[in-house]
N, C-alpha and C. Protein backbone atom coordinates (compact mmCIF):
# COMPACT_ATOMS: atom_id res chain seq x y z
N MET A 1 -74.38 73.42 11.57
CA MET A 1 -75.15 72.63 12.63
C MET A 1 -74.09 72.88 14.07
N THR A 2 -74.91 73.22 15.20
CA THR A 2 -74.34 73.30 16.48
C THR A 2 -74.60 71.98 17.20
N GLN A 3 -73.39 71.27 17.67
CA GLN A 3 -73.62 70.16 18.56
C GLN A 3 -74.24 70.37 20.03
N ILE A 4 -74.81 69.24 20.34
CA ILE A 4 -75.50 69.55 21.67
C ILE A 4 -75.18 68.38 22.76
N LYS A 5 -74.72 68.86 23.80
CA LYS A 5 -74.50 67.86 24.95
C LYS A 5 -75.46 67.99 25.97
N ILE A 6 -76.18 67.31 26.33
CA ILE A 6 -77.09 67.12 27.58
C ILE A 6 -76.50 66.33 28.59
N CYS A 7 -76.25 67.26 29.82
CA CYS A 7 -75.66 66.85 30.74
C CYS A 7 -76.69 66.36 31.98
N GLY A 8 -75.95 65.70 32.90
CA GLY A 8 -76.61 65.49 34.22
C GLY A 8 -77.80 64.21 34.04
N ILE A 9 -77.15 63.33 33.13
CA ILE A 9 -77.96 62.00 33.01
C ILE A 9 -77.91 61.33 34.14
N ARG A 10 -79.19 61.06 34.86
CA ARG A 10 -78.78 60.23 36.34
C ARG A 10 -79.85 58.96 36.24
N THR A 11 -80.97 58.63 35.49
CA THR A 11 -81.81 57.66 35.58
C THR A 11 -82.17 57.20 34.11
N SER A 12 -82.66 56.20 34.22
CA SER A 12 -83.20 55.23 33.14
C SER A 12 -84.23 56.16 32.23
N HIS A 13 -84.95 56.78 32.97
CA HIS A 13 -85.65 57.78 32.15
C HIS A 13 -85.15 58.76 31.41
N ASP A 14 -84.04 59.35 32.04
CA ASP A 14 -83.27 60.27 31.44
C ASP A 14 -82.60 59.65 29.94
N ALA A 15 -82.06 58.30 30.25
CA ALA A 15 -81.31 57.86 29.29
C ALA A 15 -82.30 57.55 28.00
N ASP A 16 -83.55 57.08 28.33
CA ASP A 16 -84.53 57.00 27.35
C ASP A 16 -84.94 58.15 26.53
N VAL A 17 -84.87 59.31 27.16
CA VAL A 17 -85.14 60.69 26.73
C VAL A 17 -83.92 61.10 25.81
N VAL A 18 -82.60 60.87 26.01
CA VAL A 18 -81.41 60.83 25.11
C VAL A 18 -81.68 60.17 23.92
N ASN A 19 -82.08 58.78 24.18
CA ASN A 19 -82.25 57.96 23.05
C ASN A 19 -83.17 58.37 21.98
N GLN A 20 -84.24 58.78 22.42
CA GLN A 20 -85.26 59.30 21.96
C GLN A 20 -85.18 60.51 20.94
N THR A 21 -84.24 61.65 21.57
CA THR A 21 -84.05 62.75 21.00
C THR A 21 -82.67 62.88 20.31
N GLN A 22 -81.80 62.01 20.49
CA GLN A 22 -80.15 61.91 19.95
C GLN A 22 -79.61 63.31 19.94
N PRO A 23 -79.19 63.92 21.04
CA PRO A 23 -78.23 64.86 21.07
C PRO A 23 -76.96 64.05 20.84
N ASP A 24 -76.00 65.18 20.49
CA ASP A 24 -74.52 64.58 20.10
C ASP A 24 -73.79 63.98 20.95
N PHE A 25 -73.96 64.50 22.26
CA PHE A 25 -73.30 63.80 23.44
C PHE A 25 -74.27 63.62 24.80
N ALA A 26 -73.85 63.08 25.58
CA ALA A 26 -74.68 62.54 26.98
C ALA A 26 -73.51 63.06 28.10
N GLY A 27 -74.18 63.63 29.38
CA GLY A 27 -72.91 63.69 30.19
C GLY A 27 -73.57 63.33 31.53
N PHE A 28 -72.50 62.61 32.26
CA PHE A 28 -72.50 62.14 33.57
C PHE A 28 -71.60 63.06 34.46
N VAL A 29 -72.32 63.41 35.61
CA VAL A 29 -71.62 64.14 36.39
C VAL A 29 -71.13 63.50 37.46
N PHE A 30 -69.63 63.27 37.81
CA PHE A 30 -69.24 62.72 38.76
C PHE A 30 -68.90 63.70 40.10
N ALA A 31 -68.64 64.88 39.95
CA ALA A 31 -68.50 65.85 40.83
C ALA A 31 -69.58 66.13 41.73
N ALA A 32 -69.40 66.69 43.01
CA ALA A 32 -70.49 66.89 44.06
C ALA A 32 -71.50 67.83 43.46
N GLY A 33 -72.87 67.50 43.71
CA GLY A 33 -73.87 68.36 43.28
C GLY A 33 -75.37 67.39 42.86
N LYS A 34 -76.12 68.08 42.54
CA LYS A 34 -77.84 67.62 42.64
C LYS A 34 -77.57 66.63 41.52
N HIS A 35 -76.82 66.51 40.31
CA HIS A 35 -76.68 65.64 39.53
C HIS A 35 -75.69 64.62 39.52
N GLN A 36 -74.97 64.43 40.59
CA GLN A 36 -73.78 63.66 40.89
C GLN A 36 -74.38 62.13 40.96
N ILE A 37 -73.63 61.29 40.19
CA ILE A 37 -73.73 59.86 40.13
C ILE A 37 -72.58 59.18 40.30
N GLU A 38 -72.49 57.96 40.75
CA GLU A 38 -71.46 57.14 40.86
C GLU A 38 -70.97 56.14 39.70
N LEU A 39 -69.83 55.92 39.39
CA LEU A 39 -69.20 54.95 38.17
C LEU A 39 -70.35 53.90 37.83
N ALA A 40 -70.40 53.31 39.02
CA ALA A 40 -71.37 52.00 38.61
C ALA A 40 -72.84 52.36 37.98
N GLN A 41 -73.40 53.49 38.44
CA GLN A 41 -74.56 53.90 38.08
C GLN A 41 -74.23 54.30 36.49
N ALA A 42 -73.15 55.23 36.27
CA ALA A 42 -72.70 55.49 34.89
C ALA A 42 -72.63 54.45 33.81
N LYS A 43 -71.87 53.45 34.49
CA LYS A 43 -71.55 52.17 33.49
C LYS A 43 -73.23 51.68 33.02
N ARG A 44 -73.88 51.48 34.12
CA ARG A 44 -75.33 50.79 33.83
C ARG A 44 -76.28 51.79 32.88
N LEU A 45 -76.04 53.20 33.12
CA LEU A 45 -76.63 53.99 32.19
C LEU A 45 -76.12 54.00 30.87
N ARG A 46 -74.80 54.19 30.60
CA ARG A 46 -74.11 53.77 29.40
C ARG A 46 -74.53 52.68 28.62
N ALA A 47 -74.87 51.65 29.06
CA ALA A 47 -75.38 50.59 28.64
C ALA A 47 -76.81 50.56 27.87
N GLU A 48 -77.57 51.64 28.41
CA GLU A 48 -78.90 51.90 28.18
C GLU A 48 -78.78 53.11 27.18
N ILE A 49 -77.79 53.76 27.06
CA ILE A 49 -77.72 54.86 26.03
C ILE A 49 -77.26 54.35 24.54
N ASP A 50 -77.77 54.86 23.38
CA ASP A 50 -77.37 54.59 22.14
C ASP A 50 -75.91 54.60 21.91
N ALA A 51 -75.34 53.51 21.55
CA ALA A 51 -73.69 53.39 21.68
C ALA A 51 -73.25 54.65 20.52
N GLN A 52 -73.94 55.12 19.76
CA GLN A 52 -73.43 56.00 18.77
C GLN A 52 -73.54 57.44 19.41
N ILE A 53 -74.05 57.77 20.68
CA ILE A 53 -74.23 58.80 21.42
C ILE A 53 -72.61 58.86 22.66
N PRO A 54 -71.77 59.53 22.10
CA PRO A 54 -70.57 59.62 23.03
C PRO A 54 -70.90 60.16 24.32
N THR A 55 -70.32 59.54 25.46
CA THR A 55 -70.79 60.00 26.86
C THR A 55 -69.50 60.77 27.29
N VAL A 56 -69.66 61.85 28.26
CA VAL A 56 -68.77 62.76 28.85
C VAL A 56 -68.99 62.64 30.45
N GLY A 57 -67.89 62.71 31.01
CA GLY A 57 -67.79 62.53 32.74
C GLY A 57 -67.32 63.86 32.81
N VAL A 58 -68.00 64.55 33.80
CA VAL A 58 -67.75 65.70 34.49
C VAL A 58 -67.06 65.48 35.78
N PHE A 59 -65.73 66.09 35.86
CA PHE A 59 -65.07 65.93 37.18
C PHE A 59 -64.77 67.37 37.49
N VAL A 60 -64.76 67.81 38.97
CA VAL A 60 -63.93 68.90 39.66
C VAL A 60 -62.84 68.49 40.37
N ASP A 61 -61.70 69.03 39.68
CA ASP A 61 -60.50 68.74 40.60
C ASP A 61 -60.25 67.22 41.15
N ALA A 62 -60.61 66.20 40.17
CA ALA A 62 -60.56 64.95 40.58
C ALA A 62 -59.09 64.42 40.15
N GLN A 63 -58.32 63.31 40.58
CA GLN A 63 -57.34 62.85 40.41
C GLN A 63 -57.11 61.95 38.83
N LEU A 64 -56.08 62.05 38.20
CA LEU A 64 -56.11 61.62 37.05
C LEU A 64 -56.43 60.00 36.97
N ALA A 65 -55.91 59.26 37.96
CA ALA A 65 -56.23 57.86 38.02
C ALA A 65 -57.79 57.60 38.08
N GLU A 66 -58.60 58.53 38.83
CA GLU A 66 -60.24 58.35 38.77
C GLU A 66 -60.97 58.58 37.46
N MET A 67 -60.09 59.60 36.66
CA MET A 67 -60.90 59.86 35.47
C MET A 67 -60.54 58.86 34.26
N VAL A 68 -58.99 58.24 34.50
CA VAL A 68 -58.86 57.39 33.49
C VAL A 68 -59.66 55.88 33.60
N MET A 69 -59.80 55.73 34.96
CA MET A 69 -60.68 54.42 35.49
C MET A 69 -61.92 54.73 34.78
N ALA A 70 -62.52 55.73 34.91
CA ALA A 70 -63.96 56.16 34.16
C ALA A 70 -63.93 55.80 32.83
N VAL A 71 -63.08 56.20 32.15
CA VAL A 71 -62.89 56.02 30.57
C VAL A 71 -62.51 54.40 30.38
N ASP A 72 -61.72 54.02 31.07
CA ASP A 72 -61.54 52.40 31.03
C ASP A 72 -62.45 51.46 31.07
N SER A 73 -63.50 52.05 32.05
CA SER A 73 -64.66 51.31 32.48
C SER A 73 -65.69 51.13 31.38
N GLY A 74 -65.41 52.01 30.35
CA GLY A 74 -66.30 52.18 29.40
C GLY A 74 -67.63 53.09 29.55
N ALA A 75 -67.57 53.59 30.62
CA ALA A 75 -68.71 54.50 31.06
C ALA A 75 -68.67 55.93 30.32
N ILE A 76 -67.47 56.42 30.02
CA ILE A 76 -67.38 57.57 29.32
C ILE A 76 -66.30 57.69 28.11
N ASN A 77 -66.65 58.39 27.33
CA ASN A 77 -65.73 58.62 26.16
C ASN A 77 -64.93 59.87 26.37
N PHE A 78 -65.17 60.92 26.91
CA PHE A 78 -64.62 62.09 27.07
C PHE A 78 -64.46 62.50 28.44
N VAL A 79 -63.49 63.43 28.87
CA VAL A 79 -63.71 64.03 30.15
C VAL A 79 -63.76 65.55 30.10
N GLN A 80 -64.60 65.99 30.95
CA GLN A 80 -64.85 67.47 31.01
C GLN A 80 -64.20 67.85 32.39
N LEU A 81 -63.24 68.75 32.29
CA LEU A 81 -62.79 69.45 33.56
C LEU A 81 -63.42 70.58 33.96
N HIS A 82 -64.06 70.77 35.04
CA HIS A 82 -64.92 71.82 35.60
C HIS A 82 -64.32 72.42 36.75
N GLY A 83 -63.15 72.25 37.15
CA GLY A 83 -62.45 72.76 38.31
C GLY A 83 -61.27 73.64 38.01
N HIS A 84 -60.35 73.25 38.83
CA HIS A 84 -59.17 74.18 38.81
C HIS A 84 -58.10 73.48 38.20
N GLU A 85 -58.23 72.55 37.44
CA GLU A 85 -57.16 71.68 36.58
C GLU A 85 -56.23 72.36 35.66
N SER A 86 -54.92 71.83 35.98
CA SER A 86 -53.88 72.59 34.97
C SER A 86 -53.74 72.00 34.00
N GLU A 87 -53.06 72.90 32.76
CA GLU A 87 -52.75 72.45 31.47
C GLU A 87 -51.91 70.87 31.45
N GLY A 88 -51.38 70.82 32.52
CA GLY A 88 -50.58 69.62 32.66
C GLY A 88 -51.44 68.35 32.92
N LEU A 89 -52.59 68.38 33.55
CA LEU A 89 -53.51 67.58 33.53
C LEU A 89 -54.14 67.31 32.54
N VAL A 90 -54.48 68.24 31.61
CA VAL A 90 -54.95 68.02 30.40
C VAL A 90 -54.11 67.29 29.56
N LYS A 91 -52.90 67.62 29.72
CA LYS A 91 -52.09 66.82 28.91
C LYS A 91 -51.94 65.31 29.06
N GLN A 92 -51.90 65.35 30.44
CA GLN A 92 -51.81 63.80 30.86
C GLN A 92 -53.00 62.94 30.58
N LEU A 93 -54.11 63.61 30.63
CA LEU A 93 -55.37 62.92 29.91
C LEU A 93 -55.15 62.57 28.24
N GLN A 94 -54.99 63.41 27.50
CA GLN A 94 -54.60 63.32 26.10
C GLN A 94 -53.41 62.24 26.01
N ASP A 95 -52.52 62.18 26.84
CA ASP A 95 -51.60 61.31 26.67
C ASP A 95 -52.01 59.65 27.02
N HIS A 96 -53.26 59.85 27.55
CA HIS A 96 -54.23 58.27 27.73
C HIS A 96 -55.15 58.30 26.41
N ARG A 97 -54.88 59.21 25.52
CA ARG A 97 -56.04 59.37 24.30
C ARG A 97 -57.49 59.45 24.74
N ILE A 98 -57.61 60.38 25.73
CA ILE A 98 -58.90 60.74 26.35
C ILE A 98 -59.21 62.37 25.83
N PRO A 99 -59.99 62.55 24.94
CA PRO A 99 -60.50 63.90 24.71
C PRO A 99 -60.92 64.85 25.77
N VAL A 100 -60.62 65.75 25.78
CA VAL A 100 -60.84 66.65 26.87
C VAL A 100 -61.56 67.91 26.65
N ILE A 101 -62.91 68.27 27.29
CA ILE A 101 -63.34 69.49 27.49
C ILE A 101 -62.93 70.22 28.77
N ASN A 102 -62.39 71.56 28.57
CA ASN A 102 -62.07 72.41 29.66
C ASN A 102 -62.71 73.52 29.61
N MET A 103 -63.42 73.64 31.13
CA MET A 103 -64.10 74.80 31.55
C MET A 103 -63.18 75.63 32.00
N VAL A 104 -63.04 76.86 31.21
CA VAL A 104 -62.04 77.90 31.70
C VAL A 104 -62.73 79.17 32.19
N GLY A 105 -63.88 79.19 32.59
CA GLY A 105 -64.60 80.38 33.15
C GLY A 105 -65.56 80.94 32.37
N LYS A 106 -65.83 82.34 32.67
CA LYS A 106 -66.60 82.80 31.79
C LYS A 106 -66.01 83.74 30.47
N GLN A 107 -65.05 83.50 30.38
CA GLN A 107 -64.22 84.15 29.15
C GLN A 107 -63.40 83.11 28.49
N VAL A 108 -63.35 83.19 27.25
CA VAL A 108 -62.35 82.24 26.73
C VAL A 108 -60.95 82.62 26.86
N ARG A 109 -60.30 81.57 27.25
CA ARG A 109 -58.99 81.67 27.34
C ARG A 109 -58.06 80.26 26.64
N PRO A 110 -56.89 80.50 26.18
CA PRO A 110 -56.23 79.46 25.63
C PRO A 110 -56.28 78.26 26.46
N THR A 111 -56.38 76.93 25.90
CA THR A 111 -56.29 75.60 26.44
C THR A 111 -55.78 74.71 25.54
N ILE A 112 -55.10 73.60 25.69
CA ILE A 112 -54.71 72.66 24.88
C ILE A 112 -55.83 71.54 24.67
N ALA A 113 -56.84 71.80 25.43
CA ALA A 113 -57.83 70.61 25.28
C ALA A 113 -58.60 70.57 23.95
N GLU A 114 -59.20 69.73 23.72
CA GLU A 114 -59.91 69.68 22.32
C GLU A 114 -61.13 70.38 22.42
N TYR A 115 -61.65 71.00 23.31
CA TYR A 115 -62.71 72.01 23.51
C TYR A 115 -62.47 72.78 24.55
N VAL A 116 -63.00 74.23 24.39
CA VAL A 116 -62.87 75.03 25.36
C VAL A 116 -64.03 75.38 25.88
N MET A 117 -64.55 75.47 27.16
CA MET A 117 -65.84 75.84 27.44
C MET A 117 -66.09 77.15 28.45
N VAL A 118 -66.83 77.67 28.02
CA VAL A 118 -67.32 78.93 28.94
C VAL A 118 -68.52 78.57 29.67
N ASP A 119 -68.62 79.07 31.03
CA ASP A 119 -69.72 78.94 31.69
C ASP A 119 -69.75 79.67 32.91
N ALA A 120 -70.89 80.06 33.36
CA ALA A 120 -70.96 81.03 34.46
C ALA A 120 -70.38 80.52 35.75
N GLY A 121 -70.69 78.99 35.88
CA GLY A 121 -70.14 78.51 37.17
C GLY A 121 -70.46 77.00 37.25
N LYS A 122 -70.18 76.38 38.43
CA LYS A 122 -70.45 74.86 38.28
C LYS A 122 -71.90 74.50 38.63
N GLY A 123 -72.48 74.33 37.10
CA GLY A 123 -73.85 74.01 37.52
C GLY A 123 -74.73 75.23 38.25
N SER A 124 -74.35 76.33 38.03
CA SER A 124 -75.09 77.37 38.44
C SER A 124 -76.37 77.90 37.84
N GLY A 125 -76.61 77.26 36.46
CA GLY A 125 -77.62 77.87 35.75
C GLY A 125 -77.78 79.22 35.44
N GLN A 126 -76.77 80.11 35.61
CA GLN A 126 -76.66 81.44 35.43
C GLN A 126 -76.28 81.56 33.94
N GLN A 127 -76.78 82.32 33.35
CA GLN A 127 -76.70 82.93 31.83
C GLN A 127 -75.36 83.75 31.82
N LEU A 128 -74.55 83.52 30.94
CA LEU A 128 -73.52 84.62 30.78
C LEU A 128 -73.89 85.63 29.98
N ASN A 129 -73.00 86.63 29.71
CA ASN A 129 -73.19 87.99 29.05
C ASN A 129 -72.83 87.42 27.63
N TRP A 130 -73.38 87.00 26.93
CA TRP A 130 -73.15 86.27 25.39
C TRP A 130 -72.23 87.20 24.79
N SER A 131 -72.65 88.42 24.51
CA SER A 131 -72.04 89.38 23.66
C SER A 131 -70.69 89.77 23.92
N ALA A 132 -70.35 89.37 25.40
CA ALA A 132 -68.70 89.50 25.99
C ALA A 132 -67.90 88.39 25.65
N ILE A 133 -68.41 87.24 25.08
CA ILE A 133 -67.67 86.29 24.82
C ILE A 133 -66.76 86.42 23.64
N ARG A 134 -65.38 86.42 23.64
CA ARG A 134 -64.70 86.71 22.58
C ARG A 134 -64.50 85.31 21.54
N PRO A 135 -64.42 85.58 20.34
CA PRO A 135 -64.37 84.48 19.28
C PRO A 135 -63.13 83.74 19.76
N THR A 136 -62.84 82.34 19.31
CA THR A 136 -61.72 81.66 19.35
C THR A 136 -61.60 80.92 18.16
N ASN A 137 -60.42 80.43 17.90
CA ASN A 137 -60.21 79.37 16.74
C ASN A 137 -60.40 78.07 17.27
N GLN A 138 -60.50 78.01 18.79
CA GLN A 138 -60.80 76.34 19.62
C GLN A 138 -62.31 75.96 19.56
N SER A 139 -62.55 74.84 19.36
CA SER A 139 -63.89 74.45 19.49
C SER A 139 -64.35 75.01 20.60
N LEU A 140 -65.51 75.89 20.67
CA LEU A 140 -65.88 76.26 21.77
C LEU A 140 -67.49 75.57 22.21
N VAL A 141 -67.56 75.35 23.47
CA VAL A 141 -68.74 75.01 24.17
C VAL A 141 -69.45 76.12 24.93
N LEU A 142 -70.56 76.37 24.60
CA LEU A 142 -71.24 77.41 25.54
C LEU A 142 -72.19 76.75 26.62
N ALA A 143 -71.94 77.17 27.76
CA ALA A 143 -72.84 76.46 28.99
C ALA A 143 -73.50 77.69 29.64
N GLY A 144 -74.18 77.19 30.39
CA GLY A 144 -74.75 78.48 31.74
C GLY A 144 -76.27 78.59 31.31
N GLY A 145 -77.27 78.45 32.04
CA GLY A 145 -78.46 78.92 31.72
C GLY A 145 -79.12 78.83 30.52
N LEU A 146 -78.81 78.04 29.60
CA LEU A 146 -79.50 77.61 28.33
C LEU A 146 -80.56 76.75 28.66
N ASN A 147 -81.72 77.20 27.78
CA ASN A 147 -82.92 76.49 27.95
C ASN A 147 -83.47 76.88 26.29
N PRO A 148 -84.73 76.00 26.31
CA PRO A 148 -85.48 76.21 25.08
C PRO A 148 -85.89 77.61 24.77
N THR A 149 -86.12 78.45 25.74
CA THR A 149 -86.58 79.87 25.18
C THR A 149 -85.42 80.77 24.76
N ASN A 150 -83.87 80.54 25.43
CA ASN A 150 -82.90 81.28 24.98
C ASN A 150 -81.69 80.71 23.97
N LEU A 151 -82.08 79.53 23.72
CA LEU A 151 -81.02 78.94 23.14
C LEU A 151 -80.74 79.48 21.55
N GLU A 152 -81.63 79.91 20.69
CA GLU A 152 -81.55 80.22 19.75
C GLU A 152 -80.62 81.48 19.58
N GLN A 153 -81.06 82.34 20.64
CA GLN A 153 -80.22 83.71 20.58
C GLN A 153 -78.82 83.70 20.94
N ALA A 154 -78.51 82.54 21.81
CA ALA A 154 -77.31 82.06 22.35
C ALA A 154 -76.52 81.70 21.07
N ILE A 155 -77.12 80.85 20.38
CA ILE A 155 -76.30 80.41 19.23
C ILE A 155 -75.98 81.44 18.15
N GLN A 156 -76.89 82.26 18.09
CA GLN A 156 -76.71 83.43 17.06
C GLN A 156 -75.77 84.35 17.38
N THR A 157 -75.63 84.66 18.87
CA THR A 157 -74.61 85.65 19.43
C THR A 157 -73.26 85.12 19.42
N VAL A 158 -73.18 83.71 19.94
CA VAL A 158 -71.80 83.29 20.43
C VAL A 158 -71.43 82.47 19.02
N HIS A 159 -71.96 81.80 18.47
CA HIS A 159 -71.63 80.80 17.22
C HIS A 159 -70.86 79.69 18.07
N PRO A 160 -71.27 79.09 19.15
CA PRO A 160 -70.54 78.04 19.58
C PRO A 160 -70.48 76.74 18.71
N ASP A 161 -69.47 75.82 18.94
CA ASP A 161 -69.29 74.63 18.12
C ASP A 161 -70.33 73.58 19.00
N MET A 162 -70.46 73.91 20.18
CA MET A 162 -71.46 72.90 21.12
C MET A 162 -72.14 73.56 22.00
N ILE A 163 -73.44 73.32 22.32
CA ILE A 163 -73.86 73.94 23.54
C ILE A 163 -74.25 72.63 24.48
N ASP A 164 -74.09 73.08 25.66
CA ASP A 164 -74.23 72.11 27.00
C ASP A 164 -75.22 72.50 27.75
N LEU A 165 -76.44 71.72 28.12
CA LEU A 165 -77.70 71.75 28.78
C LEU A 165 -77.66 70.79 29.72
N SER A 166 -78.46 71.35 30.64
CA SER A 166 -78.69 70.25 31.88
C SER A 166 -80.04 70.77 32.37
N SER A 167 -80.18 71.41 33.48
CA SER A 167 -81.32 72.02 34.14
C SER A 167 -82.17 72.61 33.16
N GLY A 168 -81.88 73.20 32.29
CA GLY A 168 -82.77 73.67 31.37
C GLY A 168 -83.80 73.12 30.43
N VAL A 169 -83.22 71.84 30.58
CA VAL A 169 -84.25 70.75 29.71
C VAL A 169 -84.85 69.92 30.99
N GLU A 170 -85.06 70.34 31.90
CA GLU A 170 -85.69 69.35 32.96
C GLU A 170 -86.91 69.88 33.32
N THR A 171 -87.88 69.12 33.92
CA THR A 171 -88.96 69.19 34.70
C THR A 171 -89.14 68.64 35.81
N ASP A 172 -89.12 69.06 37.05
CA ASP A 172 -89.19 68.27 38.26
C ASP A 172 -88.07 67.17 38.34
N GLY A 173 -86.88 67.81 37.88
CA GLY A 173 -85.82 67.12 37.97
C GLY A 173 -85.42 65.89 37.45
N GLU A 174 -86.02 65.81 36.27
CA GLU A 174 -86.06 64.71 35.13
C GLU A 174 -85.87 65.60 33.77
N LYS A 175 -85.20 64.98 32.86
CA LYS A 175 -85.04 65.22 31.42
C LYS A 175 -86.41 65.05 31.03
N ASP A 176 -87.05 66.36 30.26
CA ASP A 176 -88.22 66.48 29.58
C ASP A 176 -88.00 66.63 28.29
N MET A 177 -88.80 65.37 27.74
CA MET A 177 -88.70 64.95 26.40
C MET A 177 -89.17 65.97 25.30
N VAL A 178 -90.26 66.94 25.83
CA VAL A 178 -90.45 67.91 24.70
C VAL A 178 -89.36 69.11 24.79
N LYS A 179 -88.97 69.53 26.09
CA LYS A 179 -87.98 70.60 26.01
C LYS A 179 -86.66 70.09 25.27
N LEU A 180 -86.14 68.57 25.65
CA LEU A 180 -85.17 68.09 24.97
C LEU A 180 -85.32 68.15 23.37
N ARG A 181 -86.34 67.64 22.99
CA ARG A 181 -86.41 67.48 21.23
C ARG A 181 -86.22 68.98 20.94
N GLU A 182 -86.94 69.96 21.32
CA GLU A 182 -86.80 71.46 20.98
C GLU A 182 -85.39 71.84 21.05
N VAL A 183 -84.76 71.87 21.82
CA VAL A 183 -83.28 72.23 21.95
C VAL A 183 -82.67 71.50 20.72
N VAL A 184 -82.65 70.24 20.75
CA VAL A 184 -81.79 69.48 19.79
C VAL A 184 -82.06 69.79 18.36
N THR A 185 -83.60 70.01 18.07
CA THR A 185 -84.04 70.57 16.89
C THR A 185 -83.21 72.11 16.41
N LEU A 186 -83.25 72.92 17.54
CA LEU A 186 -82.93 74.10 17.42
C LEU A 186 -81.60 74.28 17.26
N ALA A 187 -80.60 73.36 17.89
CA ALA A 187 -79.15 73.44 17.85
C ALA A 187 -78.86 72.83 16.46
N HIS A 188 -79.60 71.64 16.00
CA HIS A 188 -79.30 70.94 14.76
C HIS A 188 -79.50 71.90 13.59
N LYS A 189 -80.56 72.70 13.58
CA LYS A 189 -80.86 73.46 12.31
C LYS A 189 -79.97 74.60 12.20
N ARG A 190 -79.30 75.21 13.26
CA ARG A 190 -78.27 76.23 13.21
C ARG A 190 -76.98 75.61 12.62
N SER A 191 -76.33 76.47 11.65
CA SER A 191 -75.19 76.34 10.97
C SER A 191 -74.39 77.33 11.19
């Protein structure tokens, strides 16, 4: 089974769709962009999301204290680094017992984080060249341009441990129940 993270949760509607489709993770974006939310909003949405679904906070070049505060508030369980963060920062987060997803770019490179993520860019929605992604012994997260149409091919080509989708499961800026149900089913049927 490939795990699935649905990122860019911003509204009660999005939280409801997450609850009804049961992805493995739900993500809140704290970095600038169209999916950005504030910590207070994330805390409110966390309370609406099934407690069995861990939440991930996406940060770009944020301060350690900001990320620790978000975890300590109960809004998130994981931190996803999506900027130019150092391995030293990953270690500091881990010292606080915070699991880390580290976006390392378009190609896999070693990291001490619990998960290594490859992505075409910060929320670009651009698809990577999947056949060029090198295998890794680390838990691999694939992101970038994924949607119900290309997800099965992406999983068959890359064999990621987790896939991360946001805009690819939206219609008119909101999470789409039909698209989300389809990608969760596709990801969970793959082994």
